[in-house]
Structures are given as C-alpha cells and as structure tokens.
PDB file of all heavy atoms in Angstrom:
ATOM      1  N   ARG A   1       1.944  10.144  -7.023  1.00  0.00           N
ATOM      2  CA  ARG A   1       2.422  10.567  -8.337  1.00  0.00           C
ATOM      3  C   ARG A   1       1.364  11.362  -9.093  1.00  0.00           C
ATOM      4  O   ARG A   1       1.662  12.322  -9.798  1.00  0.00           O
ATOM      5  CB  ARG A   1       2.845   9.369  -9.183  1.00  0.00           C
ATOM      6  CG  ARG A   1       3.538   9.834 -10.479  1.00  0.00           C
ATOM      7  CD  ARG A   1       3.297   8.913 -11.657  1.00  0.00           C
ATOM      8  NE  ARG A   1       4.137   7.719 -11.612  1.00  0.00           N
ATOM      9  CZ  ARG A   1       4.256   6.900 -12.646  1.00  0.00           C
ATOM     10  NH1 ARG A   1       3.599   7.135 -13.772  1.00  0.00           N
ATOM     11  NH2 ARG A   1       4.994   5.810 -12.548  1.00  0.00           N
ATOM     12  N   MET A   2       0.114  10.965  -8.934  1.00  0.00           N
ATOM     13  CA  MET A   2      -0.963  11.648  -9.641  1.00  0.00           C
ATOM     14  C   MET A   2      -1.363  12.968  -8.985  1.00  0.00           C
ATOM     15  O   MET A   2      -2.195  13.690  -9.515  1.00  0.00           O
ATOM     16  CB  MET A   2      -2.173  10.725  -9.747  1.00  0.00           C
ATOM     17  CG  MET A   2      -1.939   9.534 -10.668  1.00  0.00           C
ATOM     18  SD  MET A   2      -1.524  10.078 -12.347  1.00  0.00           S
ATOM     19  CE  MET A   2      -0.973   8.528 -13.075  1.00  0.00           C
ATOM     20  N   GLY A   3      -0.759  13.279  -7.834  1.00  0.00           N
ATOM     21  CA  GLY A   3      -1.010  14.565  -7.210  1.00  0.00           C
ATOM     22  C   GLY A   3      -2.243  14.632  -6.339  1.00  0.00           C
ATOM     23  O   GLY A   3      -2.667  15.721  -5.944  1.00  0.00           O
ATOM     24  N   PHE A   4      -2.825  13.474  -6.010  1.00  0.00           N
ATOM     25  CA  PHE A   4      -4.030  13.482  -5.180  1.00  0.00           C
ATOM     26  C   PHE A   4      -3.702  13.900  -3.749  1.00  0.00           C
ATOM     27  O   PHE A   4      -4.505  14.551  -3.081  1.00  0.00           O
ATOM     28  CB  PHE A   4      -4.675  12.099  -5.195  1.00  0.00           C
ATOM     29  CG  PHE A   4      -5.969  12.029  -4.436  1.00  0.00           C
ATOM     30  CD1 PHE A   4      -7.154  12.457  -5.024  1.00  0.00           C
ATOM     31  CD2 PHE A   4      -6.010  11.548  -3.136  1.00  0.00           C
ATOM     32  CE1 PHE A   4      -8.352  12.405  -4.323  1.00  0.00           C
ATOM     33  CE2 PHE A   4      -7.200  11.487  -2.430  1.00  0.00           C
ATOM     34  CZ  PHE A   4      -8.378  11.921  -3.027  1.00  0.00           C
ATOM     35  N   LEU A   5      -2.538  13.503  -3.271  1.00  0.00           N
ATOM     36  CA  LEU A   5      -2.087  13.900  -1.945  1.00  0.00           C
ATOM     37  C   LEU A   5      -0.568  13.960  -1.927  1.00  0.00           C
ATOM     38  O   LEU A   5       0.109  13.488  -2.840  1.00  0.00           O
ATOM     39  CB  LEU A   5      -2.623  12.952  -0.869  1.00  0.00           C
ATOM     40  CG  LEU A   5      -2.606  11.429  -1.068  1.00  0.00           C
ATOM     41  CD1 LEU A   5      -1.231  10.866  -1.278  1.00  0.00           C
ATOM     42  CD2 LEU A   5      -3.283  10.740   0.108  1.00  0.00           C
ATOM     43  N   SER A   6      -0.039  14.564  -0.899  1.00  0.00           N
ATOM     44  CA  SER A   6       1.407  14.665  -0.754  1.00  0.00           C
ATOM     45  C   SER A   6       1.981  13.321  -0.328  1.00  0.00           C
ATOM     46  O   SER A   6       1.364  12.597   0.461  1.00  0.00           O
ATOM     47  CB  SER A   6       1.740  15.719   0.297  1.00  0.00           C
ATOM     48  OG  SER A   6       3.086  15.598   0.731  1.00  0.00           O
ATOM     49  N   PRO A   7       3.170  12.968  -0.811  1.00  0.00           N
ATOM     50  CA  PRO A   7       3.786  11.708  -0.365  1.00  0.00           C
ATOM     51  C   PRO A   7       4.186  11.726   1.109  1.00  0.00           C
ATOM     52  O   PRO A   7       4.543  10.687   1.662  1.00  0.00           O
ATOM     53  CB  PRO A   7       5.010  11.577  -1.274  1.00  0.00           C
ATOM     54  CG  PRO A   7       5.299  12.959  -1.739  1.00  0.00           C
ATOM     55  CD  PRO A   7       3.979  13.648  -1.833  1.00  0.00           C
ATOM     56  N   ARG A   8       4.102  12.893   1.756  1.00  0.00           N
ATOM     57  CA  ARG A   8       4.386  12.989   3.194  1.00  0.00           C
ATOM     58  C   ARG A   8       3.112  13.132   4.019  1.00  0.00           C
ATOM     59  O   ARG A   8       3.189  13.313   5.239  1.00  0.00           O
ATOM     60  CB  ARG A   8       5.314  14.178   3.455  1.00  0.00           C
ATOM     61  CG  ARG A   8       6.651  14.133   2.719  1.00  0.00           C
ATOM     62  CD  ARG A   8       7.500  12.942   3.135  1.00  0.00           C
ATOM     63  NE  ARG A   8       8.810  12.934   2.485  1.00  0.00           N
ATOM     64  CZ  ARG A   8       9.912  13.444   3.021  1.00  0.00           C
ATOM     65  NH1 ARG A   8       9.868  13.994   4.222  1.00  0.00           N
ATOM     66  NH2 ARG A   8      11.063  13.395   2.376  1.00  0.00           N
ATOM     67  N   ASP A   9       1.964  13.087   3.373  1.00  0.00           N
ATOM     68  CA  ASP A   9       0.692  13.192   4.091  1.00  0.00           C
ATOM     69  C   ASP A   9       0.572  12.016   5.069  1.00  0.00           C
ATOM     70  O   ASP A   9       0.813  10.868   4.695  1.00  0.00           O
ATOM     71  CB  ASP A   9      -0.458  13.167   3.081  1.00  0.00           C
ATOM     72  CG  ASP A   9      -1.801  13.511   3.703  1.00  0.00           C
ATOM     73  OD1 ASP A   9      -2.205  12.818   4.660  1.00  0.00           O
ATOM     74  OD2 ASP A   9      -2.449  14.454   3.220  1.00  0.00           O
ATOM     75  N   PRO A  10       0.190  12.269   6.316  1.00  0.00           N
ATOM     76  CA  PRO A  10       0.052  11.161   7.273  1.00  0.00           C
ATOM     77  C   PRO A  10      -0.887  10.060   6.790  1.00  0.00           C
ATOM     78  O   PRO A  10      -0.639   8.873   7.055  1.00  0.00           O
ATOM     79  CB  PRO A  10      -0.496  11.853   8.528  1.00  0.00           C
ATOM     80  CG  PRO A  10      -0.005  13.263   8.418  1.00  0.00           C
ATOM     81  CD  PRO A  10      -0.019  13.588   6.957  1.00  0.00           C
ATOM     82  N   ALA A  11      -1.968  10.445   6.074  1.00  0.00           N
ATOM     83  CA  ALA A  11      -2.885   9.421   5.558  1.00  0.00           C
ATOM     84  C   ALA A  11      -2.188   8.530   4.534  1.00  0.00           C
ATOM     85  O   ALA A  11      -2.465   7.324   4.458  1.00  0.00           O
ATOM     86  CB  ALA A  11      -4.116  10.082   4.934  1.00  0.00           C
ATOM     87  N   TRP A  12      -1.289   9.126   3.766  1.00  0.00           N
ATOM     88  CA  TRP A  12      -0.567   8.310   2.793  1.00  0.00           C
ATOM     89  C   TRP A  12       0.482   7.436   3.467  1.00  0.00           C
ATOM     90  O   TRP A  12       0.643   6.259   3.135  1.00  0.00           O
ATOM     91  CB  TRP A  12       0.091   9.169   1.714  1.00  0.00           C
ATOM     92  CG  TRP A  12       0.969   8.332   0.846  1.00  0.00           C
ATOM     93  CD1 TRP A  12       2.307   8.365   0.736  1.00  0.00           C
ATOM     94  CD2 TRP A  12       0.536   7.243   0.011  1.00  0.00           C
ATOM     95  NE1 TRP A  12       2.758   7.385  -0.123  1.00  0.00           N
ATOM     96  CE2 TRP A  12       1.682   6.680  -0.579  1.00  0.00           C
ATOM     97  CE3 TRP A  12      -0.713   6.702  -0.284  1.00  0.00           C
ATOM     98  CZ2 TRP A  12       1.625   5.601  -1.450  1.00  0.00           C
ATOM     99  CZ3 TRP A  12      -0.769   5.622  -1.160  1.00  0.00           C
ATOM    100  CH2 TRP A  12       0.383   5.089  -1.733  1.00  0.00           C
ATOM    101  N   LEU A  13       1.203   7.989   4.424  1.00  0.00           N
ATOM    102  CA  LEU A  13       2.240   7.220   5.094  1.00  0.00           C
ATOM    103  C   LEU A  13       1.647   6.016   5.827  1.00  0.00           C
ATOM    104  O   LEU A  13       2.234   4.923   5.830  1.00  0.00           O
ATOM    105  CB  LEU A  13       3.011   8.110   6.060  1.00  0.00           C
ATOM    106  CG  LEU A  13       3.845   9.219   5.403  1.00  0.00           C
ATOM    107  CD1 LEU A  13       4.500  10.093   6.458  1.00  0.00           C
ATOM    108  CD2 LEU A  13       4.890   8.640   4.454  1.00  0.00           C
ATOM    109  N   SER A  14       0.472   6.179   6.417  1.00  0.00           N
ATOM    110  CA  SER A  14      -0.157   5.041   7.082  1.00  0.00           C
ATOM    111  C   SER A  14      -0.667   4.028   6.065  1.00  0.00           C
ATOM    112  O   SER A  14      -0.656   2.813   6.318  1.00  0.00           O
ATOM    113  CB  SER A  14      -1.284   5.507   7.997  1.00  0.00           C
ATOM    114  OG  SER A  14      -2.331   6.113   7.266  1.00  0.00           O
ATOM    115  N   THR A  15      -1.120   4.502   4.883  1.00  0.00           N
ATOM    116  CA  THR A  15      -1.507   3.576   3.810  1.00  0.00           C
ATOM    117  C   THR A  15      -0.303   2.772   3.341  1.00  0.00           C
ATOM    118  O   THR A  15      -0.379   1.551   3.147  1.00  0.00           O
ATOM    119  CB  THR A  15      -2.112   4.348   2.631  1.00  0.00           C
ATOM    120  OG1 THR A  15      -3.285   5.048   3.065  1.00  0.00           O
ATOM    121  CG2 THR A  15      -2.480   3.409   1.492  1.00  0.00           C
ATOM    122  N   LEU A  16       0.821   3.455   3.188  1.00  0.00           N
ATOM    123  CA  LEU A  16       2.051   2.781   2.762  1.00  0.00           C
ATOM    124  C   LEU A  16       2.482   1.755   3.799  1.00  0.00           C
ATOM    125  O   LEU A  16       2.913   0.639   3.454  1.00  0.00           O
ATOM    126  CB  LEU A  16       3.145   3.830   2.529  1.00  0.00           C
ATOM    127  CG  LEU A  16       4.411   3.400   1.799  1.00  0.00           C
ATOM    128  CD1 LEU A  16       4.090   2.794   0.438  1.00  0.00           C
ATOM    129  CD2 LEU A  16       5.353   4.587   1.645  1.00  0.00           C
ATOM    130  N   ASP A  17       2.339   2.090   5.072  1.00  0.00           N
ATOM    131  CA  ASP A  17       2.682   1.134   6.129  1.00  0.00           C
ATOM    132  C   ASP A  17       1.782  -0.101   6.069  1.00  0.00           C
ATOM    133  O   ASP A  17       2.245  -1.237   6.255  1.00  0.00           O
ATOM    134  CB  ASP A  17       2.552   1.805   7.498  1.00  0.00           C
ATOM    135  CG  ASP A  17       3.649   2.819   7.763  1.00  0.00           C
ATOM    136  OD1 ASP A  17       4.697   2.730   7.110  1.00  0.00           O
ATOM    137  OD2 ASP A  17       3.440   3.713   8.617  1.00  0.00           O
ATOM    138  N   ALA A  18       0.483   0.116   5.820  1.00  0.00           N
ATOM    139  CA  ALA A  18      -0.445  -1.010   5.751  1.00  0.00           C
ATOM    140  C   ALA A  18      -0.110  -1.920   4.573  1.00  0.00           C
ATOM    141  O   ALA A  18      -0.124  -3.150   4.699  1.00  0.00           O
ATOM    142  CB  ALA A  18      -1.880  -0.493   5.631  1.00  0.00           C
ATOM    143  N   MET A  19       0.208  -1.323   3.432  1.00  0.00           N
ATOM    144  CA  MET A  19       0.611  -2.127   2.273  1.00  0.00           C
ATOM    145  C   MET A  19       1.885  -2.888   2.567  1.00  0.00           C
ATOM    146  O   MET A  19       2.024  -4.075   2.215  1.00  0.00           O
ATOM    147  CB  MET A  19       0.806  -1.226   1.053  1.00  0.00           C
ATOM    148  CG  MET A  19      -0.458  -0.629   0.485  1.00  0.00           C
ATOM    149  SD  MET A  19      -0.089   0.259  -1.051  1.00  0.00           S
ATOM    150  CE  MET A  19      -1.664   1.014  -1.418  1.00  0.00           C
ATOM    151  N   ASP A  20       2.823  -2.229   3.224  1.00  0.00           N
ATOM    152  CA  ASP A  20       4.097  -2.866   3.530  1.00  0.00           C
ATOM    153  C   ASP A  20       3.889  -4.105   4.400  1.00  0.00           C
ATOM    154  O   ASP A  20       4.567  -5.124   4.233  1.00  0.00           O
ATOM    155  CB  ASP A  20       5.007  -1.861   4.234  1.00  0.00           C
ATOM    156  CG  ASP A  20       6.423  -2.376   4.393  1.00  0.00           C
ATOM    157  OD1 ASP A  20       7.085  -2.607   3.362  1.00  0.00           O
ATOM    158  OD2 ASP A  20       6.863  -2.575   5.537  1.00  0.00           O
ATOM    159  N   ALA A  21       2.928  -4.028   5.299  1.00  0.00           N
ATOM    160  CA  ALA A  21       2.680  -5.144   6.210  1.00  0.00           C
ATOM    161  C   ALA A  21       1.928  -6.288   5.553  1.00  0.00           C
ATOM    162  O   ALA A  21       2.107  -7.449   5.923  1.00  0.00           O
ATOM    163  CB  ALA A  21       1.902  -4.644   7.432  1.00  0.00           C
ATOM    164  N   GLU A  22       1.089  -5.997   4.546  1.00  0.00           N
ATOM    165  CA  GLU A  22       0.195  -7.025   4.013  1.00  0.00           C
ATOM    166  C   GLU A  22       0.495  -7.441   2.581  1.00  0.00           C
ATOM    167  O   GLU A  22       0.346  -8.618   2.224  1.00  0.00           O
ATOM    168  CB  GLU A  22      -1.245  -6.516   4.088  1.00  0.00           C
ATOM    169  CG  GLU A  22      -2.280  -7.542   3.640  1.00  0.00           C
ATOM    170  CD  GLU A  22      -3.690  -7.094   3.941  1.00  0.00           C
ATOM    171  OE1 GLU A  22      -3.966  -6.792   5.122  1.00  0.00           O
ATOM    172  OE2 GLU A  22      -4.512  -7.029   3.010  1.00  0.00           O
ATOM    173  N   LEU A  23       0.904  -6.513   1.718  1.00  0.00           N
ATOM    174  CA  LEU A  23       1.066  -6.812   0.294  1.00  0.00           C
ATOM    175  C   LEU A  23       2.515  -7.004  -0.126  1.00  0.00           C
ATOM    176  O   LEU A  23       2.773  -7.473  -1.235  1.00  0.00           O
ATOM    177  CB  LEU A  23       0.455  -5.686  -0.552  1.00  0.00           C
ATOM    178  CG  LEU A  23      -1.046  -5.453  -0.410  1.00  0.00           C
ATOM    179  CD1 LEU A  23      -1.501  -4.341  -1.359  1.00  0.00           C
ATOM    180  CD2 LEU A  23      -1.833  -6.724  -0.683  1.00  0.00           C
ATOM    181  N   VAL A  24       3.460  -6.637   0.734  1.00  0.00           N
ATOM    182  CA  VAL A  24       4.876  -6.666   0.361  1.00  0.00           C
ATOM    183  C   VAL A  24       5.539  -7.903   0.961  1.00  0.00           C
ATOM    184  O   VAL A  24       5.402  -8.190   2.146  1.00  0.00           O
ATOM    185  CB  VAL A  24       5.593  -5.391   0.834  1.00  0.00           C
ATOM    186  CG1 VAL A  24       7.070  -5.437   0.436  1.00  0.00           C
ATOM    187  CG2 VAL A  24       4.920  -4.151   0.245  1.00  0.00           C
ATOM    188  N   SER A  25       6.263  -8.624   0.090  1.00  0.00           N
ATOM    189  CA  SER A  25       7.011  -9.802   0.515  1.00  0.00           C
ATOM    190  C   SER A  25       8.438  -9.672   0.004  1.00  0.00           C
ATOM    191  O   SER A  25       8.698  -9.826  -1.197  1.00  0.00           O
ATOM    192  CB  SER A  25       6.358 -11.076  -0.040  1.00  0.00           C
ATOM    193  OG  SER A  25       7.138 -12.221   0.251  1.00  0.00           O
ATOM    194  N   ASP A  26       9.352  -9.337   0.907  1.00  0.00           N
ATOM    195  CA  ASP A  26      10.761  -9.182   0.526  1.00  0.00           C
ATOM    196  C   ASP A  26      10.904  -8.203  -0.632  1.00  0.00           C
ATOM    197  O   ASP A  26      11.577  -8.464  -1.625  1.00  0.00           O
ATOM    198  CB  ASP A  26      11.377 -10.530   0.177  1.00  0.00           C
ATOM    199  CG  ASP A  26      12.893 -10.454   0.032  1.00  0.00           C
ATOM    200  OD1 ASP A  26      13.510  -9.632   0.734  1.00  0.00           O
ATOM    201  OD2 ASP A  26      13.450 -11.208  -0.794  1.00  0.00           O
ATOM    202  N   SER A  27      10.227  -7.064  -0.521  1.00  0.00           N
ATOM    203  CA  SER A  27      10.234  -5.966  -1.500  1.00  0.00           C
ATOM    204  C   SER A  27       9.408  -6.252  -2.749  1.00  0.00           C
ATOM    205  O   SER A  27       9.279  -5.382  -3.606  1.00  0.00           O
ATOM    206  CB  SER A  27      11.664  -5.576  -1.916  1.00  0.00           C
ATOM    207  OG  SER A  27      12.411  -5.155  -0.799  1.00  0.00           O
ATOM    208  N   LEU A  28       8.873  -7.457  -2.900  1.00  0.00           N
ATOM    209  CA  LEU A  28       7.979  -7.772  -4.005  1.00  0.00           C
ATOM    210  C   LEU A  28       6.539  -7.514  -3.558  1.00  0.00           C
ATOM    211  O   LEU A  28       6.184  -7.776  -2.415  1.00  0.00           O
ATOM    212  CB  LEU A  28       8.147  -9.223  -4.444  1.00  0.00           C
ATOM    213  CG  LEU A  28       9.538  -9.615  -4.944  1.00  0.00           C
ATOM    214  CD1 LEU A  28       9.586 -11.105  -5.242  1.00  0.00           C
ATOM    215  CD2 LEU A  28       9.922  -8.810  -6.173  1.00  0.00           C
ATOM    216  N   VAL A  29       5.714  -7.016  -4.472  1.00  0.00           N
ATOM    217  CA  VAL A  29       4.397  -6.504  -4.096  1.00  0.00           C
ATOM    218  C   VAL A  29       3.295  -7.260  -4.840  1.00  0.00           C
ATOM    219  O   VAL A  29       3.328  -7.371  -6.075  1.00  0.00           O
ATOM    220  CB  VAL A  29       4.285  -4.990  -4.381  1.00  0.00           C
ATOM    221  CG1 VAL A  29       2.929  -4.456  -3.921  1.00  0.00           C
ATOM    222  CG2 VAL A  29       5.416  -4.236  -3.676  1.00  0.00           C
ATOM    223  N   TYR A  30       2.322  -7.754  -4.078  1.00  0.00           N
ATOM    224  CA  TYR A  30       1.111  -8.336  -4.655  1.00  0.00           C
ATOM    225  C   TYR A  30       0.123  -7.225  -4.999  1.00  0.00           C
ATOM    226  O   TYR A  30       0.065  -6.196  -4.320  1.00  0.00           O
ATOM    227  CB  TYR A  30       0.455  -9.303  -3.665  1.00  0.00           C
ATOM    228  CG  TYR A  30       1.239 -10.568  -3.417  1.00  0.00           C
ATOM    229  CD1 TYR A  30       2.132 -10.647  -2.354  1.00  0.00           C
ATOM    230  CD2 TYR A  30       1.084 -11.672  -4.247  1.00  0.00           C
ATOM    231  CE1 TYR A  30       2.858 -11.810  -2.124  1.00  0.00           C
ATOM    232  CE2 TYR A  30       1.796 -12.835  -4.014  1.00  0.00           C
ATOM    233  CZ  TYR A  30       2.685 -12.901  -2.959  1.00  0.00           C
ATOM    234  OH  TYR A  30       3.403 -14.062  -2.736  1.00  0.00           O
ATOM    235  N   ARG A  31      -0.676  -7.449  -6.038  1.00  0.00           N
ATOM    236  CA  ARG A  31      -1.684  -6.454  -6.404  1.00  0.00           C
ATOM    237  C   ARG A  31      -2.733  -6.315  -5.310  1.00  0.00           C
ATOM    238  O   ARG A  31      -3.125  -5.215  -4.933  1.00  0.00           O
ATOM    239  CB  ARG A  31      -2.368  -6.838  -7.719  1.00  0.00           C
ATOM    240  CG  ARG A  31      -1.440  -6.837  -8.918  1.00  0.00           C
ATOM    241  CD  ARG A  31      -2.186  -7.058 -10.200  1.00  0.00           C
ATOM    242  NE  ARG A  31      -2.719  -8.417 -10.327  1.00  0.00           N
ATOM    243  CZ  ARG A  31      -3.410  -8.845 -11.374  1.00  0.00           C
ATOM    244  NH1 ARG A  31      -3.672  -8.021 -12.371  1.00  0.00           N
ATOM    245  NH2 ARG A  31      -3.843 -10.094 -11.440  1.00  0.00           N
ATOM    246  N   TYR A  32      -3.213  -7.434  -4.824  1.00  0.00           N
ATOM    247  CA  TYR A  32      -4.226  -7.503  -3.784  1.00  0.00           C
ATOM    248  C   TYR A  32      -4.271  -8.957  -3.329  1.00  0.00           C
ATOM    249  O   TYR A  32      -3.577  -9.813  -3.888  1.00  0.00           O
ATOM    250  CB  TYR A  32      -5.601  -7.047  -4.296  1.00  0.00           C
ATOM    251  CG  TYR A  32      -6.076  -7.806  -5.535  1.00  0.00           C
ATOM    252  CD1 TYR A  32      -6.861  -8.951  -5.431  1.00  0.00           C
ATOM    253  CD2 TYR A  32      -5.721  -7.374  -6.811  1.00  0.00           C
ATOM    254  CE1 TYR A  32      -7.268  -9.655  -6.548  1.00  0.00           C
ATOM    255  CE2 TYR A  32      -6.120  -8.071  -7.945  1.00  0.00           C
ATOM    256  CZ  TYR A  32      -6.893  -9.208  -7.809  1.00  0.00           C
ATOM    257  OH  TYR A  32      -7.293  -9.909  -8.928  1.00  0.00           O
ATOM    258  N   ASP A  33      -5.086  -9.246  -2.357  1.00  0.00           N
ATOM    259  CA  ASP A  33      -5.225 -10.617  -1.865  1.00  0.00           C
ATOM    260  C   ASP A  33      -6.502 -11.215  -2.439  1.00  0.00           C
ATOM    261  O   ASP A  33      -7.599 -10.871  -2.004  1.00  0.00           O
ATOM    262  CB  ASP A  33      -5.281 -10.614  -0.341  1.00  0.00           C
ATOM    263  CG  ASP A  33      -5.418 -12.018   0.246  1.00  0.00           C
ATOM    264  OD1 ASP A  33      -5.440 -12.985  -0.533  1.00  0.00           O
ATOM    265  OD2 ASP A  33      -5.508 -12.122   1.481  1.00  0.00           O
ATOM    266  N   PRO A  34      -6.399 -12.142  -3.436  1.00  0.00           N
ATOM    267  CA  PRO A  34      -7.618 -12.721  -4.028  1.00  0.00           C
ATOM    268  C   PRO A  34      -8.485 -13.461  -3.019  1.00  0.00           C
ATOM    269  O   PRO A  34      -9.697 -13.559  -3.206  1.00  0.00           O
ATOM    270  CB  PRO A  34      -7.065 -13.670  -5.102  1.00  0.00           C
ATOM    271  CG  PRO A  34      -5.685 -13.187  -5.390  1.00  0.00           C
ATOM    272  CD  PRO A  34      -5.180 -12.628  -4.096  1.00  0.00           C
ATOM    273  N   ALA A  35      -7.885 -13.969  -1.958  1.00  0.00           N
ATOM    274  CA  ALA A  35      -8.687 -14.668  -0.954  1.00  0.00           C
ATOM    275  C   ALA A  35      -9.585 -13.696  -0.206  1.00  0.00           C
ATOM    276  O   ALA A  35     -10.729 -14.026   0.147  1.00  0.00           O
ATOM    277  CB  ALA A  35      -7.768 -15.402   0.022  1.00  0.00           C
ATOM    278  N   ALA A  36      -9.091 -12.484   0.029  1.00  0.00           N
ATOM    279  CA  ALA A  36      -9.883 -11.481   0.728  1.00  0.00           C
ATOM    280  C   ALA A  36     -10.804 -10.725  -0.206  1.00  0.00           C
ATOM    281  O   ALA A  36     -11.831 -10.187   0.216  1.00  0.00           O
ATOM    282  CB  ALA A  36      -8.950 -10.502   1.448  1.00  0.00           C
ATOM    283  N   ALA A  37     -10.425 -10.681  -1.488  1.00  0.00           N
ATOM    284  CA  ALA A  37     -11.224  -9.962  -2.479  1.00  0.00           C
ATOM    285  C   ALA A  37     -11.404 -10.860  -3.693  1.00  0.00           C
ATOM    286  O   ALA A  37     -10.678 -10.729  -4.684  1.00  0.00           O
ATOM    287  CB  ALA A  37     -10.541  -8.655  -2.879  1.00  0.00           C
ATOM    288  N   PRO A  38     -12.345 -11.812  -3.665  1.00  0.00           N
ATOM    289  CA  PRO A  38     -12.537 -12.741  -4.786  1.00  0.00           C
ATOM    290  C   PRO A  38     -12.717 -11.994  -6.104  1.00  0.00           C
ATOM    291  O   PRO A  38     -13.469 -11.019  -6.187  1.00  0.00           O
ATOM    292  CB  PRO A  38     -13.809 -13.491  -4.388  1.00  0.00           C
ATOM    293  CG  PRO A  38     -13.854 -13.391  -2.900  1.00  0.00           C
ATOM    294  CD  PRO A  38     -13.292 -12.043  -2.567  1.00  0.00           C
TER     295      PRO A  38
END
C-alpha cells in the first residue's frame, strides 16, 4: 500500500506466504509471536 514494492513482486508474495503459514489463524492475524520476539 505504501508503494515500497508491487503487490505482485515475488519477494512480497513469498512474504505473504510466510505470514499466512505462521501469523494467520483462520483468517485472523497475529501481530507477531511474543515467544519468538520477547
């Protein structure tokens, strides 16, 4: 949204995939993992 990269950029799509696997739970999204980042 801020224009840093295209929403179709491969680097962004892989970032989105990583978030989907780790931060997303049934479409709900955690900010980060406090256990991994105290």
